[in-house]
Amino acid sequence: MSQIIIKRALEWFGVVTAIAYSILVASNTGNEVIGFLLLFISAVAIGAWAFLCKHFGILLLQFFYASAGIFGVLRWI
């Protein structure tokens, strides 16, 4: 697979999982654990994309989002 395809896949997978996370957490339907897990997955995907594209500010931000995802899961289980 080419670098361009990998980068696009990581970027858009991260975006879609972040959207799903936002909807699940905001809906207050008891699916918060899944939502925070999606936040973590999104942060990993976007973090990998940011690293490959040398967007180090975004990469740093993803470390905090990943930490929030872990914290959220631990609080809800």
N, C-alpha and C. Protein backbone atom coordinates (compact mmCIF):
# COMPACT_ATOMS: atom_id res chain seq x y z
N MET A 1 0.85 -1.17 0.00
CA MET A 1 0.00 0.00 0.00
C MET A 1 0.89 1.24 0.00
N SER A 2 0.51 2.22 -0.75
CA SER A 2 1.33 3.43 -0.82
C SER A 2 1.16 4.27 0.45
N GLN A 3 2.14 5.12 0.67
CA GLN A 3 2.11 6.01 1.84
C GLN A 3 0.88 6.91 1.82
N ILE A 4 0.51 7.37 0.64
CA ILE A 4 -0.64 8.28 0.53
C ILE A 4 -1.92 7.58 0.98
N ILE A 5 -2.10 6.34 0.56
CA ILE A 5 -3.31 5.59 0.94
C ILE A 5 -3.32 5.33 2.44
N ILE A 6 -2.18 4.97 3.00
CA ILE A 6 -2.09 4.73 4.45
C ILE A 6 -2.42 6.01 5.22
N LYS A 7 -1.86 7.13 4.79
CA LYS A 7 -2.11 8.40 5.47
C LYS A 7 -3.59 8.77 5.41
N ARG A 8 -4.18 8.64 4.23
CA ARG A 8 -5.61 8.98 4.10
C ARG A 8 -6.48 8.05 4.93
N ALA A 9 -6.15 6.77 4.94
CA ALA A 9 -6.93 5.81 5.73
C ALA A 9 -6.86 6.14 7.21
N LEU A 10 -5.66 6.44 7.72
CA LEU A 10 -5.51 6.79 9.14
C LEU A 10 -6.28 8.06 9.46
N GLU A 11 -6.14 9.07 8.60
CA GLU A 11 -6.81 10.35 8.84
C GLU A 11 -8.32 10.17 8.90
N TRP A 12 -8.91 9.52 7.91
CA TRP A 12 -10.36 9.41 7.84
C TRP A 12 -10.92 8.40 8.83
N PHE A 13 -10.19 7.34 9.12
CA PHE A 13 -10.62 6.42 10.17
C PHE A 13 -10.67 7.15 11.51
N GLY A 14 -9.65 7.98 11.77
CA GLY A 14 -9.63 8.77 12.99
C GLY A 14 -10.78 9.75 13.07
N VAL A 15 -11.10 10.38 11.96
CA VAL A 15 -12.20 11.34 11.92
C VAL A 15 -13.54 10.64 12.18
N VAL A 16 -13.77 9.53 11.50
CA VAL A 16 -15.04 8.81 11.66
C VAL A 16 -15.21 8.30 13.09
N THR A 17 -14.14 7.75 13.68
CA THR A 17 -14.26 7.26 15.05
C THR A 17 -14.44 8.41 16.04
N ALA A 18 -13.85 9.57 15.76
CA ALA A 18 -14.05 10.74 16.63
C ALA A 18 -15.49 11.23 16.56
N ILE A 19 -16.08 11.22 15.38
CA ILE A 19 -17.48 11.61 15.24
C ILE A 19 -18.38 10.64 16.01
N ALA A 20 -18.12 9.35 15.86
CA ALA A 20 -18.91 8.35 16.58
C ALA A 20 -18.75 8.53 18.09
N TYR A 21 -17.53 8.79 18.54
CA TYR A 21 -17.28 9.04 19.97
C TYR A 21 -18.13 10.22 20.45
N SER A 22 -18.09 11.32 19.72
CA SER A 22 -18.82 12.51 20.13
C SER A 22 -20.32 12.24 20.26
N ILE A 23 -20.86 11.54 19.29
CA ILE A 23 -22.30 11.24 19.31
C ILE A 23 -22.65 10.33 20.48
N LEU A 24 -21.84 9.29 20.71
CA LEU A 24 -22.14 8.36 21.81
C LEU A 24 -22.07 9.03 23.17
N VAL A 25 -21.06 9.85 23.39
CA VAL A 25 -20.92 10.50 24.70
C VAL A 25 -22.01 11.55 24.88
N ALA A 26 -22.30 12.32 23.84
CA ALA A 26 -23.30 13.38 23.95
C ALA A 26 -24.72 12.82 24.09
N SER A 27 -24.96 11.63 23.57
CA SER A 27 -26.31 11.06 23.60
C SER A 27 -26.74 10.62 25.00
N ASN A 28 -25.77 10.42 25.90
CA ASN A 28 -26.07 10.04 27.27
C ASN A 28 -26.99 8.82 27.33
N THR A 29 -26.65 7.79 26.55
CA THR A 29 -27.48 6.59 26.46
C THR A 29 -26.86 5.39 27.15
N GLY A 30 -25.83 5.61 27.94
CA GLY A 30 -25.19 4.50 28.62
C GLY A 30 -24.08 3.85 27.81
N ASN A 31 -23.74 4.44 26.69
CA ASN A 31 -22.68 3.89 25.83
C ASN A 31 -21.37 4.66 25.97
N GLU A 32 -21.18 5.29 27.11
CA GLU A 32 -20.00 6.13 27.28
C GLU A 32 -18.70 5.33 27.21
N VAL A 33 -18.69 4.11 27.72
CA VAL A 33 -17.46 3.31 27.68
C VAL A 33 -17.04 3.07 26.23
N ILE A 34 -18.01 2.72 25.39
CA ILE A 34 -17.70 2.52 23.98
C ILE A 34 -17.23 3.84 23.36
N GLY A 35 -17.87 4.93 23.74
CA GLY A 35 -17.48 6.24 23.24
C GLY A 35 -16.05 6.59 23.59
N PHE A 36 -15.67 6.40 24.84
CA PHE A 36 -14.31 6.71 25.25
C PHE A 36 -13.29 5.76 24.61
N LEU A 37 -13.70 4.53 24.38
CA LEU A 37 -12.83 3.60 23.66
C LEU A 37 -12.61 4.10 22.23
N LEU A 38 -13.67 4.60 21.61
CA LEU A 38 -13.54 5.17 20.27
C LEU A 38 -12.66 6.42 20.28
N LEU A 39 -12.73 7.21 21.34
CA LEU A 39 -11.85 8.37 21.46
C LEU A 39 -10.40 7.93 21.46
N PHE A 40 -10.10 6.89 22.22
CA PHE A 40 -8.73 6.38 22.28
C PHE A 40 -8.29 5.87 20.90
N ILE A 41 -9.14 5.09 20.25
CA ILE A 41 -8.81 4.56 18.92
C ILE A 41 -8.60 5.69 17.92
N SER A 42 -9.46 6.69 17.98
CA SER A 42 -9.33 7.85 17.11
C SER A 42 -8.01 8.58 17.34
N ALA A 43 -7.65 8.76 18.60
CA ALA A 43 -6.41 9.46 18.93
C ALA A 43 -5.19 8.70 18.42
N VAL A 44 -5.23 7.38 18.51
CA VAL A 44 -4.12 6.57 17.99
C VAL A 44 -4.02 6.72 16.48
N ALA A 45 -5.15 6.63 15.79
CA ALA A 45 -5.15 6.74 14.33
C ALA A 45 -4.69 8.12 13.87
N ILE A 46 -5.26 9.16 14.46
CA ILE A 46 -4.87 10.51 14.06
C ILE A 46 -3.44 10.81 14.50
N GLY A 47 -3.03 10.26 15.64
CA GLY A 47 -1.64 10.42 16.07
C GLY A 47 -0.67 9.79 15.10
N ALA A 48 -0.99 8.61 14.60
CA ALA A 48 -0.13 7.95 13.60
C ALA A 48 -0.09 8.77 12.32
N TRP A 49 -1.24 9.27 11.89
CA TRP A 49 -1.30 10.13 10.70
C TRP A 49 -0.45 11.38 10.91
N ALA A 50 -0.60 12.02 12.07
CA ALA A 50 0.16 13.24 12.36
C ALA A 50 1.66 12.97 12.35
N PHE A 51 2.06 11.84 12.91
CA PHE A 51 3.48 11.48 12.92
C PHE A 51 4.00 11.30 11.49
N LEU A 52 3.26 10.54 10.69
CA LEU A 52 3.69 10.29 9.31
C LEU A 52 3.75 11.57 8.48
N CYS A 53 2.85 12.50 8.77
CA CYS A 53 2.80 13.76 8.02
C CYS A 53 3.61 14.87 8.67
N LYS A 54 4.27 14.55 9.78
CA LYS A 54 5.10 15.50 10.52
C LYS A 54 4.31 16.70 11.05
N HIS A 55 3.09 16.43 11.51
CA HIS A 55 2.26 17.45 12.17
C HIS A 55 2.40 17.22 13.68
N PHE A 56 3.50 17.70 14.23
CA PHE A 56 3.84 17.35 15.60
C PHE A 56 2.96 18.03 16.65
N GLY A 57 2.39 19.17 16.33
CA GLY A 57 1.44 19.80 17.24
C GLY A 57 0.18 18.95 17.40
N ILE A 58 -0.32 18.45 16.29
CA ILE A 58 -1.49 17.56 16.32
C ILE A 58 -1.14 16.26 17.04
N LEU A 59 0.07 15.76 16.82
CA LEU A 59 0.52 14.54 17.50
C LEU A 59 0.50 14.73 19.01
N LEU A 60 1.01 15.86 19.49
CA LEU A 60 0.99 16.14 20.93
C LEU A 60 -0.45 16.19 21.45
N LEU A 61 -1.33 16.82 20.71
CA LEU A 61 -2.73 16.89 21.11
C LEU A 61 -3.35 15.50 21.22
N GLN A 62 -2.98 14.60 20.34
CA GLN A 62 -3.53 13.24 20.36
C GLN A 62 -3.09 12.46 21.59
N PHE A 63 -1.91 12.77 22.13
CA PHE A 63 -1.50 12.14 23.39
C PHE A 63 -2.48 12.50 24.50
N PHE A 64 -2.93 13.76 24.52
CA PHE A 64 -3.89 14.17 25.54
C PHE A 64 -5.26 13.56 25.29
N TYR A 65 -5.68 13.47 24.04
CA TYR A 65 -6.96 12.82 23.72
C TYR A 65 -6.92 11.34 24.08
N ALA A 66 -5.80 10.68 23.79
CA ALA A 66 -5.68 9.26 24.15
C ALA A 66 -5.74 9.09 25.66
N SER A 67 -5.08 9.99 26.39
CA SER A 67 -5.13 9.94 27.85
C SER A 67 -6.56 10.14 28.36
N ALA A 68 -7.29 11.06 27.75
CA ALA A 68 -8.68 11.29 28.14
C ALA A 68 -9.53 10.05 27.84
N GLY A 69 -9.25 9.39 26.73
CA GLY A 69 -9.98 8.16 26.40
C GLY A 69 -9.74 7.07 27.43
N ILE A 70 -8.49 6.90 27.83
CA ILE A 70 -8.16 5.89 28.85
C ILE A 70 -8.83 6.26 30.18
N PHE A 71 -8.72 7.51 30.56
CA PHE A 71 -9.32 7.97 31.81
C PHE A 71 -10.84 7.77 31.78
N GLY A 72 -11.47 8.11 30.65
CA GLY A 72 -12.91 7.95 30.53
C GLY A 72 -13.35 6.50 30.66
N VAL A 73 -12.62 5.60 30.01
CA VAL A 73 -12.96 4.18 30.10
C VAL A 73 -12.82 3.70 31.54
N LEU A 74 -11.72 4.06 32.19
CA LEU A 74 -11.49 3.61 33.57
C LEU A 74 -12.54 4.15 34.53
N ARG A 75 -13.02 5.35 34.30
CA ARG A 75 -14.05 5.92 35.17
C ARG A 75 -15.40 5.24 35.00
N TRP A 76 -15.68 4.73 33.80
CA TRP A 76 -17.00 4.17 33.52
C TRP A 76 -17.09 2.67 33.72
N ILE A 77 -15.95 1.98 33.89
CA ILE A 77 -16.05 0.53 34.09
C ILE A 77 -16.04 0.18 35.56
